[in-house]
PDB file of all heavy atoms in Angstrom:
ATOM      1  N   ARG A   1       0.811  -1.215   0.000  1.00  0.00           N
ATOM      2  CA  ARG A   1       0.000   0.000   0.000  1.00  0.00           C
ATOM      3  C   ARG A   1       0.849   1.272   0.000  1.00  0.00           C
ATOM      4  O   ARG A   1       0.439   2.274  -0.574  1.00  0.00           O
ATOM      5  CB  ARG A   1      -0.934   0.025   1.204  1.00  0.00           C
ATOM      6  CG  ARG A   1      -1.906  -1.145   1.254  1.00  0.00           C
ATOM      7  CD  ARG A   1      -2.923  -0.977   2.375  1.00  0.00           C
ATOM      8  NE  ARG A   1      -2.285  -0.920   3.687  1.00  0.00           N
ATOM      9  CZ  ARG A   1      -2.348   0.134   4.511  1.00  0.00           C
ATOM     10  NH1 ARG A   1      -3.018   1.221   4.157  1.00  0.00           N
ATOM     11  NH2 ARG A   1      -1.749   0.087   5.695  1.00  0.00           N
ATOM     12  N   PHE A   2       1.992   1.221   0.657  1.00  0.00           N
ATOM     13  CA  PHE A   2       2.870   2.382   0.756  1.00  0.00           C
ATOM     14  C   PHE A   2       4.097   2.169  -0.113  1.00  0.00           C
ATOM     15  O   PHE A   2       4.585   1.036  -0.256  1.00  0.00           O
ATOM     16  CB  PHE A   2       3.335   2.606   2.198  1.00  0.00           C
ATOM     17  CG  PHE A   2       2.270   3.066   3.158  1.00  0.00           C
ATOM     18  CD1 PHE A   2       0.928   3.054   2.818  1.00  0.00           C
ATOM     19  CD2 PHE A   2       2.633   3.512   4.419  1.00  0.00           C
ATOM     20  CE1 PHE A   2      -0.044   3.479   3.714  1.00  0.00           C
ATOM     21  CE2 PHE A   2       1.676   3.938   5.319  1.00  0.00           C
ATOM     22  CZ  PHE A   2       0.338   3.924   4.975  1.00  0.00           C
ATOM     23  N   THR A   3       4.608   3.249  -0.661  1.00  0.00           N
ATOM     24  CA  THR A   3       5.815   3.204  -1.468  1.00  0.00           C
ATOM     25  C   THR A   3       6.733   4.343  -1.063  1.00  0.00           C
ATOM     26  O   THR A   3       6.323   5.504  -1.079  1.00  0.00           O
ATOM     27  CB  THR A   3       5.499   3.311  -2.964  1.00  0.00           C
ATOM     28  OG1 THR A   3       4.595   2.276  -3.353  1.00  0.00           O
ATOM     29  CG2 THR A   3       6.782   3.177  -3.783  1.00  0.00           C
ATOM     30  N   ILE A   4       7.956   4.009  -0.705  1.00  0.00           N
ATOM     31  CA  ILE A   4       8.935   5.021  -0.344  1.00  0.00           C
ATOM     32  C   ILE A   4       9.844   5.274  -1.538  1.00  0.00           C
ATOM     33  O   ILE A   4      10.177   4.354  -2.290  1.00  0.00           O
ATOM     34  CB  ILE A   4       9.744   4.596   0.904  1.00  0.00           C
ATOM     35  CG1 ILE A   4      10.568   5.761   1.446  1.00  0.00           C
ATOM     36  CG2 ILE A   4      10.617   3.390   0.610  1.00  0.00           C
ATOM     37  CD1 ILE A   4      11.188   5.485   2.817  1.00  0.00           C
ATOM     38  N   SER A   5      10.232   6.518  -1.721  1.00  0.00           N
ATOM     39  CA  SER A   5      11.114   6.887  -2.813  1.00  0.00           C
ATOM     40  C   SER A   5      11.923   8.102  -2.396  1.00  0.00           C
ATOM     41  O   SER A   5      11.680   8.694  -1.339  1.00  0.00           O
ATOM     42  CB  SER A   5      10.326   7.168  -4.098  1.00  0.00           C
ATOM     43  OG  SER A   5       9.434   8.254  -3.916  1.00  0.00           O
ATOM     44  N   GLN A   6      12.878   8.482  -3.218  1.00  0.00           N
ATOM     45  CA  GLN A   6      13.708   9.622  -2.877  1.00  0.00           C
ATOM     46  C   GLN A   6      14.115  10.377  -4.117  1.00  0.00           C
ATOM     47  O   GLN A   6      14.242   9.820  -5.208  1.00  0.00           O
ATOM     48  CB  GLN A   6      14.945   9.176  -2.089  1.00  0.00           C
ATOM     49  CG  GLN A   6      15.881   8.239  -2.834  1.00  0.00           C
ATOM     50  CD  GLN A   6      16.942   7.634  -1.933  1.00  0.00           C
ATOM     51  OE1 GLN A   6      17.097   8.034  -0.776  1.00  0.00           O
ATOM     52  NE2 GLN A   6      17.677   6.665  -2.445  1.00  0.00           N
ATOM     53  N   ASP A   7      14.330  11.659  -3.924  1.00  0.00           N
ATOM     54  CA  ASP A   7      14.887  12.538  -4.934  1.00  0.00           C
ATOM     55  C   ASP A   7      16.171  13.083  -4.332  1.00  0.00           C
ATOM     56  O   ASP A   7      16.150  14.048  -3.565  1.00  0.00           O
ATOM     57  CB  ASP A   7      13.917  13.657  -5.283  1.00  0.00           C
ATOM     58  CG  ASP A   7      14.431  14.554  -6.393  1.00  0.00           C
ATOM     59  OD1 ASP A   7      15.643  14.535  -6.681  1.00  0.00           O
ATOM     60  OD2 ASP A   7      13.613  15.287  -6.989  1.00  0.00           O
ATOM     61  N   ASN A   8      17.278  12.453  -4.647  1.00  0.00           N
ATOM     62  CA  ASN A   8      18.543  12.833  -4.032  1.00  0.00           C
ATOM     63  C   ASN A   8      18.952  14.264  -4.372  1.00  0.00           C
ATOM     64  O   ASN A   8      19.582  14.940  -3.556  1.00  0.00           O
ATOM     65  CB  ASN A   8      19.647  11.864  -4.452  1.00  0.00           C
ATOM     66  CG  ASN A   8      19.509  10.509  -3.804  1.00  0.00           C
ATOM     67  OD1 ASN A   8      19.060  10.398  -2.660  1.00  0.00           O
ATOM     68  ND2 ASN A   8      19.902   9.460  -4.511  1.00  0.00           N
ATOM     69  N   ALA A   9      18.600  14.712  -5.563  1.00  0.00           N
ATOM     70  CA  ALA A   9      18.944  16.071  -5.954  1.00  0.00           C
ATOM     71  C   ALA A   9      18.264  17.097  -5.061  1.00  0.00           C
ATOM     72  O   ALA A   9      18.787  18.197  -4.859  1.00  0.00           O
ATOM     73  CB  ALA A   9      18.579  16.314  -7.414  1.00  0.00           C
ATOM     74  N   LYS A  10      17.118  16.750  -4.536  1.00  0.00           N
ATOM     75  CA  LYS A  10      16.370  17.659  -3.669  1.00  0.00           C
ATOM     76  C   LYS A  10      16.458  17.270  -2.202  1.00  0.00           C
ATOM     77  O   LYS A  10      15.803  17.897  -1.365  1.00  0.00           O
ATOM     78  CB  LYS A  10      14.908  17.710  -4.108  1.00  0.00           C
ATOM     79  CG  LYS A  10      14.698  18.264  -5.504  1.00  0.00           C
ATOM     80  CD  LYS A  10      13.231  18.370  -5.850  1.00  0.00           C
ATOM     81  CE  LYS A  10      13.034  18.934  -7.247  1.00  0.00           C
ATOM     82  NZ  LYS A  10      13.546  20.329  -7.349  1.00  0.00           N
ATOM     83  N   ASN A  11      17.246  16.249  -1.897  1.00  0.00           N
ATOM     84  CA  ASN A  11      17.385  15.778  -0.522  1.00  0.00           C
ATOM     85  C   ASN A  11      16.025  15.529   0.117  1.00  0.00           C
ATOM     86  O   ASN A  11      15.780  15.923   1.266  1.00  0.00           O
ATOM     87  CB  ASN A  11      18.197  16.768   0.311  1.00  0.00           C
ATOM     88  CG  ASN A  11      19.630  16.889  -0.149  1.00  0.00           C
ATOM     89  OD1 ASN A  11      20.272  15.894  -0.460  1.00  0.00           O
ATOM     90  ND2 ASN A  11      20.139  18.111  -0.182  1.00  0.00           N
ATOM     91  N   THR A  12      15.185  14.874  -0.617  1.00  0.00           N
ATOM     92  CA  THR A  12      13.818  14.656  -0.179  1.00  0.00           C
ATOM     93  C   THR A  12      13.446  13.192  -0.321  1.00  0.00           C
ATOM     94  O   THR A  12      13.766  12.556  -1.325  1.00  0.00           O
ATOM     95  CB  THR A  12      12.840  15.526  -0.978  1.00  0.00           C
ATOM     96  OG1 THR A  12      13.192  16.907  -0.825  1.00  0.00           O
ATOM     97  CG2 THR A  12      11.413  15.329  -0.489  1.00  0.00           C
ATOM     98  N   VAL A  13      12.776  12.694   0.688  1.00  0.00           N
ATOM     99  CA  VAL A  13      12.229  11.345   0.675  1.00  0.00           C
ATOM    100  C   VAL A  13      10.718  11.444   0.699  1.00  0.00           C
ATOM    101  O   VAL A  13      10.150  12.280   1.405  1.00  0.00           O
ATOM    102  CB  VAL A  13      12.751  10.524   1.863  1.00  0.00           C
ATOM    103  CG1 VAL A  13      12.041   9.178   1.947  1.00  0.00           C
ATOM    104  CG2 VAL A  13      14.255  10.305   1.735  1.00  0.00           C
ATOM    105  N   PHE A  14      10.068  10.595  -0.066  1.00  0.00           N
ATOM    106  CA  PHE A  14       8.619  10.610  -0.171  1.00  0.00           C
ATOM    107  C   PHE A  14       8.037   9.307   0.350  1.00  0.00           C
ATOM    108  O   PHE A  14       8.675   8.256   0.318  1.00  0.00           O
ATOM    109  CB  PHE A  14       8.189  10.798  -1.628  1.00  0.00           C
ATOM    110  CG  PHE A  14       8.769  12.009  -2.281  1.00  0.00           C
ATOM    111  CD1 PHE A  14       9.897  11.917  -3.076  1.00  0.00           C
ATOM    112  CD2 PHE A  14       8.187  13.252  -2.101  1.00  0.00           C
ATOM    113  CE1 PHE A  14      10.436  13.031  -3.683  1.00  0.00           C
ATOM    114  CE2 PHE A  14       8.712  14.384  -2.701  1.00  0.00           C
ATOM    115  CZ  PHE A  14       9.843  14.272  -3.491  1.00  0.00           C
ATOM    116  N   LEU A  15       6.830   9.393   0.803  1.00  0.00           N
ATOM    117  CA  LEU A  15       6.077   8.210   1.181  1.00  0.00           C
ATOM    118  C   LEU A  15       4.699   8.314   0.540  1.00  0.00           C
ATOM    119  O   LEU A  15       3.865   9.108   0.979  1.00  0.00           O
ATOM    120  CB  LEU A  15       5.954   8.077   2.701  1.00  0.00           C
ATOM    121  CG  LEU A  15       5.287   6.800   3.195  1.00  0.00           C
ATOM    122  CD1 LEU A  15       6.182   5.585   2.908  1.00  0.00           C
ATOM    123  CD2 LEU A  15       4.979   6.885   4.687  1.00  0.00           C
ATOM    124  N   GLN A  16       4.503   7.542  -0.509  1.00  0.00           N
ATOM    125  CA  GLN A  16       3.205   7.476  -1.165  1.00  0.00           C
ATOM    126  C   GLN A  16       2.350   6.464  -0.432  1.00  0.00           C
ATOM    127  O   GLN A  16       2.721   5.297  -0.318  1.00  0.00           O
ATOM    128  CB  GLN A  16       3.368   7.074  -2.629  1.00  0.00           C
ATOM    129  CG  GLN A  16       2.059   6.926  -3.394  1.00  0.00           C
ATOM    130  CD  GLN A  16       1.351   8.238  -3.594  1.00  0.00           C
ATOM    131  OE1 GLN A  16       1.989   9.244  -3.875  1.00  0.00           O
ATOM    132  NE2 GLN A  16       0.030   8.240  -3.443  1.00  0.00           N
ATOM    133  N   MET A  17       1.222   6.904   0.056  1.00  0.00           N
ATOM    134  CA  MET A  17       0.341   6.063   0.850  1.00  0.00           C
ATOM    135  C   MET A  17      -0.976   5.901   0.107  1.00  0.00           C
ATOM    136  O   MET A  17      -1.700   6.874  -0.110  1.00  0.00           O
ATOM    137  CB  MET A  17       0.109   6.669   2.235  1.00  0.00           C
ATOM    138  CG  MET A  17       1.395   7.006   2.984  1.00  0.00           C
ATOM    139  SD  MET A  17       1.104   7.525   4.696  1.00  0.00           S
ATOM    140  CE  MET A  17       0.150   9.017   4.413  1.00  0.00           C
ATOM    141  N   ASP A  18      -1.269   4.686  -0.277  1.00  0.00           N
ATOM    142  CA  ASP A  18      -2.490   4.367  -0.995  1.00  0.00           C
ATOM    143  C   ASP A  18      -3.339   3.418  -0.165  1.00  0.00           C
ATOM    144  O   ASP A  18      -2.865   2.777   0.767  1.00  0.00           O
ATOM    145  CB  ASP A  18      -2.172   3.723  -2.349  1.00  0.00           C
ATOM    146  CG  ASP A  18      -1.386   4.626  -3.272  1.00  0.00           C
ATOM    147  OD1 ASP A  18      -1.679   5.834  -3.327  1.00  0.00           O
ATOM    148  OD2 ASP A  18      -0.463   4.107  -3.953  1.00  0.00           O
ATOM    149  N   SER A  19      -4.590   3.316  -0.541  1.00  0.00           N
ATOM    150  CA  SER A  19      -5.524   2.416   0.136  1.00  0.00           C
ATOM    151  C   SER A  19      -5.494   2.617   1.641  1.00  0.00           C
ATOM    152  O   SER A  19      -5.436   1.664   2.423  1.00  0.00           O
ATOM    153  CB  SER A  19      -5.211   0.957  -0.225  1.00  0.00           C
ATOM    154  OG  SER A  19      -5.291   0.742  -1.615  1.00  0.00           O
ATOM    155  N   LEU A  20      -5.551   3.856   2.040  1.00  0.00           N
ATOM    156  CA  LEU A  20      -5.461   4.179   3.457  1.00  0.00           C
ATOM    157  C   LEU A  20      -6.676   3.668   4.222  1.00  0.00           C
ATOM    158  O   LEU A  20      -7.798   3.639   3.701  1.00  0.00           O
ATOM    159  CB  LEU A  20      -5.329   5.684   3.641  1.00  0.00           C
ATOM    160  CG  LEU A  20      -3.959   6.258   3.265  1.00  0.00           C
ATOM    161  CD1 LEU A  20      -4.034   7.764   3.087  1.00  0.00           C
ATOM    162  CD2 LEU A  20      -2.926   5.896   4.331  1.00  0.00           C
ATOM    163  N   THR A  21      -6.424   3.273   5.442  1.00  0.00           N
ATOM    164  CA  THR A  21      -7.462   2.813   6.348  1.00  0.00           C
ATOM    165  C   THR A  21      -7.400   3.618   7.631  1.00  0.00           C
ATOM    166  O   THR A  21      -6.394   4.280   7.918  1.00  0.00           O
ATOM    167  CB  THR A  21      -7.294   1.318   6.677  1.00  0.00           C
ATOM    168  OG1 THR A  21      -6.211   1.142   7.599  1.00  0.00           O
ATOM    169  CG2 THR A  21      -7.019   0.508   5.423  1.00  0.00           C
ATOM    170  N   PRO A  22      -8.464   3.589   8.422  1.00  0.00           N
ATOM    171  CA  PRO A  22      -8.413   4.317   9.697  1.00  0.00           C
ATOM    172  C   PRO A  22      -7.257   3.893  10.589  1.00  0.00           C
ATOM    173  O   PRO A  22      -6.791   4.695  11.402  1.00  0.00           O
ATOM    174  CB  PRO A  22      -9.771   3.980  10.336  1.00  0.00           C
ATOM    175  CG  PRO A  22     -10.669   3.759   9.174  1.00  0.00           C
ATOM    176  CD  PRO A  22      -9.814   3.071   8.149  1.00  0.00           C
ATOM    177  N   GLU A  23      -6.782   2.670  10.440  1.00  0.00           N
ATOM    178  CA  GLU A  23      -5.655   2.204  11.230  1.00  0.00           C
ATOM    179  C   GLU A  23      -4.355   2.911  10.872  1.00  0.00           C
ATOM    180  O   GLU A  23      -3.375   2.810  11.609  1.00  0.00           O
ATOM    181  CB  GLU A  23      -5.481   0.692  11.072  1.00  0.00           C
ATOM    182  CG  GLU A  23      -6.566  -0.151  11.762  1.00  0.00           C
ATOM    183  CD  GLU A  23      -7.917  -0.023  11.076  1.00  0.00           C
ATOM    184  OE1 GLU A  23      -7.957  -0.014   9.821  1.00  0.00           O
ATOM    185  OE2 GLU A  23      -8.934   0.058  11.785  1.00  0.00           O
ATOM    186  N   ASP A  24      -4.345   3.611   9.757  1.00  0.00           N
ATOM    187  CA  ASP A  24      -3.170   4.379   9.366  1.00  0.00           C
ATOM    188  C   ASP A  24      -3.145   5.762  10.003  1.00  0.00           C
ATOM    189  O   ASP A  24      -2.168   6.500   9.835  1.00  0.00           O
ATOM    190  CB  ASP A  24      -3.109   4.525   7.843  1.00  0.00           C
ATOM    191  CG  ASP A  24      -2.936   3.195   7.137  1.00  0.00           C
ATOM    192  OD1 ASP A  24      -2.084   2.392   7.577  1.00  0.00           O
ATOM    193  OD2 ASP A  24      -3.648   2.960   6.139  1.00  0.00           O
ATOM    194  N   THR A  25      -4.198   6.136  10.689  1.00  0.00           N
ATOM    195  CA  THR A  25      -4.248   7.437  11.338  1.00  0.00           C
ATOM    196  C   THR A  25      -3.139   7.542  12.379  1.00  0.00           C
ATOM    197  O   THR A  25      -3.036   6.703  13.273  1.00  0.00           O
ATOM    198  CB  THR A  25      -5.612   7.654  11.997  1.00  0.00           C
ATOM    199  OG1 THR A  25      -6.628   7.700  10.990  1.00  0.00           O
ATOM    200  CG2 THR A  25      -5.633   8.961  12.779  1.00  0.00           C
ATOM    201  N   ALA A  26      -2.317   8.563  12.254  1.00  0.00           N
ATOM    202  CA  ALA A  26      -1.181   8.731  13.152  1.00  0.00           C
ATOM    203  C   ALA A  26      -0.453  10.013  12.792  1.00  0.00           C
ATOM    204  O   ALA A  26      -0.719  10.639  11.759  1.00  0.00           O
ATOM    205  CB  ALA A  26      -0.221   7.547  13.056  1.00  0.00           C
TER     206      ALA A  26
END
């Protein structure tokens, strides 16, 4: 459901979260 990725040129890490459920609330 989640996918982590990075853009090293921008020093940024992403977390794509799909199919979210209430249990993901945090």
